[in-house]
Amino acid sequence: MTKTRISIITGVAAAAVAVGGAAAQKTDKVVPKQQRTIALGEDEVKQLIALMDADKNGKISRQEFMKFMEAEFDRLDKDKSGELDQKELEESLIRPARPVTGK
């Protein structure tokens, strides 16, 4: 796997973790939209589309996204247990974009 693909996958996973964590937290504090989003650069987005866009229409469908993430899950699941354990995640390059708090 190329370094670029790993970087893009890490970005997608980090965005999912950050968005999921933000959605799960309930707070009275209003966070500006700018702080709630994680943006990928234009080059990363083009590379991500090239990796995931199976029908080459320039867009990523839910089906294309899920198929791509399923393949990445399978790649990370070294023991083929159907679950990712701590060791498998530690050996991957997937990292949250920011710390996840337990609030």
C-alpha atoms as a PDB file:
ATOM      1  CA  MET A   1       0.000   0.000   0.000  1.00  0.00           C
ATOM      2  CA  THR A   2       1.365   3.380  -0.898  1.00  0.00           C
ATOM      3  CA  LYS A   3       2.134   6.050   1.657  1.00  0.00           C
ATOM      4  CA  THR A   4      -0.394   8.350  -0.050  1.00  0.00           C
ATOM      5  CA  ARG A   5      -3.184   5.770   0.242  1.00  0.00           C
ATOM      6  CA  ILE A   6      -2.387   5.212   3.902  1.00  0.00           C
ATOM      7  CA  SER A   7      -2.430   8.960   4.478  1.00  0.00           C
ATOM      8  CA  ILE A   8      -5.805   9.315   2.766  1.00  0.00           C
ATOM      9  CA  ILE A   9      -7.268   6.366   4.630  1.00  0.00           C
ATOM     10  CA  THR A  10      -5.978   7.827   7.866  1.00  0.00           C
ATOM     11  CA  GLY A  11      -7.630  11.133   7.001  1.00  0.00           C
ATOM     12  CA  VAL A  12     -10.954   9.502   6.229  1.00  0.00           C
ATOM     13  CA  ALA A  13     -10.845   7.411   9.394  1.00  0.00           C
ATOM     14  CA  ALA A  14      -9.789  10.383  11.501  1.00  0.00           C
ATOM     15  CA  ALA A  15     -12.607  12.446  10.073  1.00  0.00           C
ATOM     16  CA  ALA A  16     -15.079   9.674  10.879  1.00  0.00           C
ATOM     17  CA  VAL A  17     -13.753   9.369  14.440  1.00  0.00           C
ATOM     18  CA  ALA A  18     -13.804  13.123  14.974  1.00  0.00           C
ATOM     19  CA  VAL A  19     -17.269  13.573  13.502  1.00  0.00           C
ATOM     20  CA  GLY A  20     -18.616  10.590  15.422  1.00  0.00           C
ATOM     21  CA  GLY A  21     -17.060  11.848  18.649  1.00  0.00           C
ATOM     22  CA  ALA A  22     -18.411  15.333  18.091  1.00  0.00           C
ATOM     23  CA  ALA A  23     -21.878  13.971  17.363  1.00  0.00           C
ATOM     24  CA  ALA A  24     -21.824  11.819  20.467  1.00  0.00           C
ATOM     25  CA  GLN A  25     -20.903  14.685  22.774  1.00  0.00           C
ATOM     26  CA  LYS A  26     -23.701  16.852  24.119  1.00  0.00           C
ATOM     27  CA  THR A  27     -22.687  20.316  25.140  1.00  0.00           C
ATOM     28  CA  ASP A  28     -24.241  23.689  25.806  1.00  0.00           C
ATOM     29  CA  LYS A  29     -21.241  25.365  24.248  1.00  0.00           C
ATOM     30  CA  VAL A  30     -21.702  26.407  20.627  1.00  0.00           C
ATOM     31  CA  VAL A  31     -18.688  25.412  18.560  1.00  0.00           C
ATOM     32  CA  PRO A  32     -18.076  27.473  15.418  1.00  0.00           C
ATOM     33  CA  LYS A  33     -18.612  25.479  12.228  1.00  0.00           C
ATOM     34  CA  GLN A  34     -14.962  26.005  11.309  1.00  0.00           C
ATOM     35  CA  GLN A  35     -13.869  24.037  14.396  1.00  0.00           C
ATOM     36  CA  ARG A  36     -16.374  21.202  13.853  1.00  0.00           C
ATOM     37  CA  THR A  37     -15.148  20.179  10.427  1.00  0.00           C
ATOM     38  CA  ILE A  38     -12.004  18.475   9.264  1.00  0.00           C
ATOM     39  CA  ALA A  39     -10.987  19.431   5.785  1.00  0.00           C
ATOM     40  CA  LEU A  40      -8.849  17.445   3.396  1.00  0.00           C
ATOM     41  CA  GLY A  41      -6.717  19.345   0.911  1.00  0.00           C
ATOM     42  CA  GLU A  42      -7.624  19.389  -2.773  1.00  0.00           C
ATOM     43  CA  ASP A  43      -4.909  16.872  -3.685  1.00  0.00           C
ATOM     44  CA  GLU A  44      -6.051  14.452  -0.963  1.00  0.00           C
ATOM     45  CA  VAL A  45      -9.647  14.719  -2.141  1.00  0.00           C
ATOM     46  CA  LYS A  46      -8.666  13.989  -5.749  1.00  0.00           C
ATOM     47  CA  GLN A  47      -6.651  10.962  -4.617  1.00  0.00           C
ATOM     48  CA  LEU A  48      -9.498   9.765  -2.429  1.00  0.00           C
ATOM     49  CA  ILE A  49     -11.939   9.992  -5.324  1.00  0.00           C
ATOM     50  CA  ALA A  50      -9.497   8.126  -7.569  1.00  0.00           C
ATOM     51  CA  LEU A  51      -9.233   5.325  -4.975  1.00  0.00           C
ATOM     52  CA  MET A  52     -12.930   4.980  -4.185  1.00  0.00           C
ATOM     53  CA  ASP A  53     -14.810   5.996  -7.353  1.00  0.00           C
ATOM     54  CA  ALA A  54     -15.425   2.588  -8.935  1.00  0.00           C
ATOM     55  CA  ASP A  55     -17.760   3.883 -11.661  1.00  0.00           C
ATOM     56  CA  LYS A  56     -15.497   6.878 -12.428  1.00  0.00           C
ATOM     57  CA  ASN A  57     -18.312   9.454 -12.313  1.00  0.00           C
ATOM     58  CA  GLY A  58     -16.317  11.827 -10.099  1.00  0.00           C
ATOM     59  CA  LYS A  59     -18.450  11.159  -7.020  1.00  0.00           C
ATOM     60  CA  ILE A  60     -18.355   8.649  -4.189  1.00  0.00           C
ATOM     61  CA  SER A  61     -21.636   6.820  -3.622  1.00  0.00           C
ATOM     62  CA  ARG A  62     -22.532   5.282  -0.280  1.00  0.00           C
ATOM     63  CA  GLN A  63     -21.994   1.863  -1.870  1.00  0.00           C
ATOM     64  CA  GLU A  64     -18.509   2.810  -3.149  1.00  0.00           C
ATOM     65  CA  PHE A  65     -17.569   4.291   0.234  1.00  0.00           C
ATOM     66  CA  MET A  66     -18.783   1.246   2.159  1.00  0.00           C
ATOM     67  CA  LYS A  67     -17.058  -1.184  -0.218  1.00  0.00           C
ATOM     68  CA  PHE A  68     -13.785   0.708   0.148  1.00  0.00           C
ATOM     69  CA  MET A  69     -14.031   0.847   3.952  1.00  0.00           C
ATOM     70  CA  GLU A  70     -15.007  -2.839   4.075  1.00  0.00           C
ATOM     71  CA  ALA A  71     -11.849  -3.723   2.135  1.00  0.00           C
ATOM     72  CA  GLU A  72      -9.766  -1.579   4.502  1.00  0.00           C
ATOM     73  CA  PHE A  73     -11.360  -3.282   7.519  1.00  0.00           C
ATOM     74  CA  ASP A  74     -10.535  -6.677   6.016  1.00  0.00           C
ATOM     75  CA  ARG A  75      -6.966  -5.553   5.393  1.00  0.00           C
ATOM     76  CA  LEU A  76      -6.550  -4.456   9.015  1.00  0.00           C
ATOM     77  CA  ASP A  77      -8.211  -7.600  10.424  1.00  0.00           C
ATOM     78  CA  LYS A  78      -5.010  -9.647  10.352  1.00  0.00           C
ATOM     79  CA  ASP A  79      -6.401 -12.622  12.275  1.00  0.00           C
ATOM     80  CA  LYS A  80      -9.650 -12.607  10.225  1.00  0.00           C
ATOM     81  CA  SER A  81     -11.770 -12.619  13.385  1.00  0.00           C
ATOM     82  CA  GLY A  82     -14.255 -10.082  12.039  1.00  0.00           C
ATOM     83  CA  GLU A  83     -13.198  -7.641  14.757  1.00  0.00           C
ATOM     84  CA  LEU A  84     -10.350  -5.185  15.075  1.00  0.00           C
ATOM     85  CA  ASP A  85      -8.508  -5.539  18.349  1.00  0.00           C
ATOM     86  CA  GLN A  86      -6.138  -3.106  19.997  1.00  0.00           C
ATOM     87  CA  LYS A  87      -3.037  -4.697  18.461  1.00  0.00           C
ATOM     88  CA  GLU A  88      -4.444  -4.566  14.928  1.00  0.00           C
ATOM     89  CA  LEU A  89      -5.365  -0.902  15.334  1.00  0.00           C
ATOM     90  CA  GLU A  90      -1.996  -0.068  16.899  1.00  0.00           C
ATOM     91  CA  GLU A  91      -0.261  -1.630  13.896  1.00  0.00           C
ATOM     92  CA  SER A  92      -2.396   0.368  11.476  1.00  0.00           C
ATOM     93  CA  LEU A  93      -1.704   3.998  10.718  1.00  0.00           C
ATOM     94  CA  ILE A  94      -5.237   5.072  11.588  1.00  0.00           C
ATOM     95  CA  ARG A  95      -5.232   7.787  14.214  1.00  0.00           C
ATOM     96  CA  PRO A  96      -7.913  10.184  15.460  1.00  0.00           C
ATOM     97  CA  ALA A  97      -7.448  13.737  14.236  1.00  0.00           C
ATOM     98  CA  ARG A  98      -7.823  14.984  17.802  1.00  0.00           C
ATOM     99  CA  PRO A  99      -8.118  13.375  21.227  1.00  0.00           C
ATOM    100  CA  VAL A 100     -11.469  11.791  21.976  1.00  0.00           C
ATOM    101  CA  THR A 101     -12.746  12.776  25.382  1.00  0.00           C
ATOM    102  CA  GLY A 102     -14.876  10.540  27.557  1.00  0.00           C
ATOM    103  CA  LYS A 103     -17.508  13.168  28.422  1.00  0.00           C
END
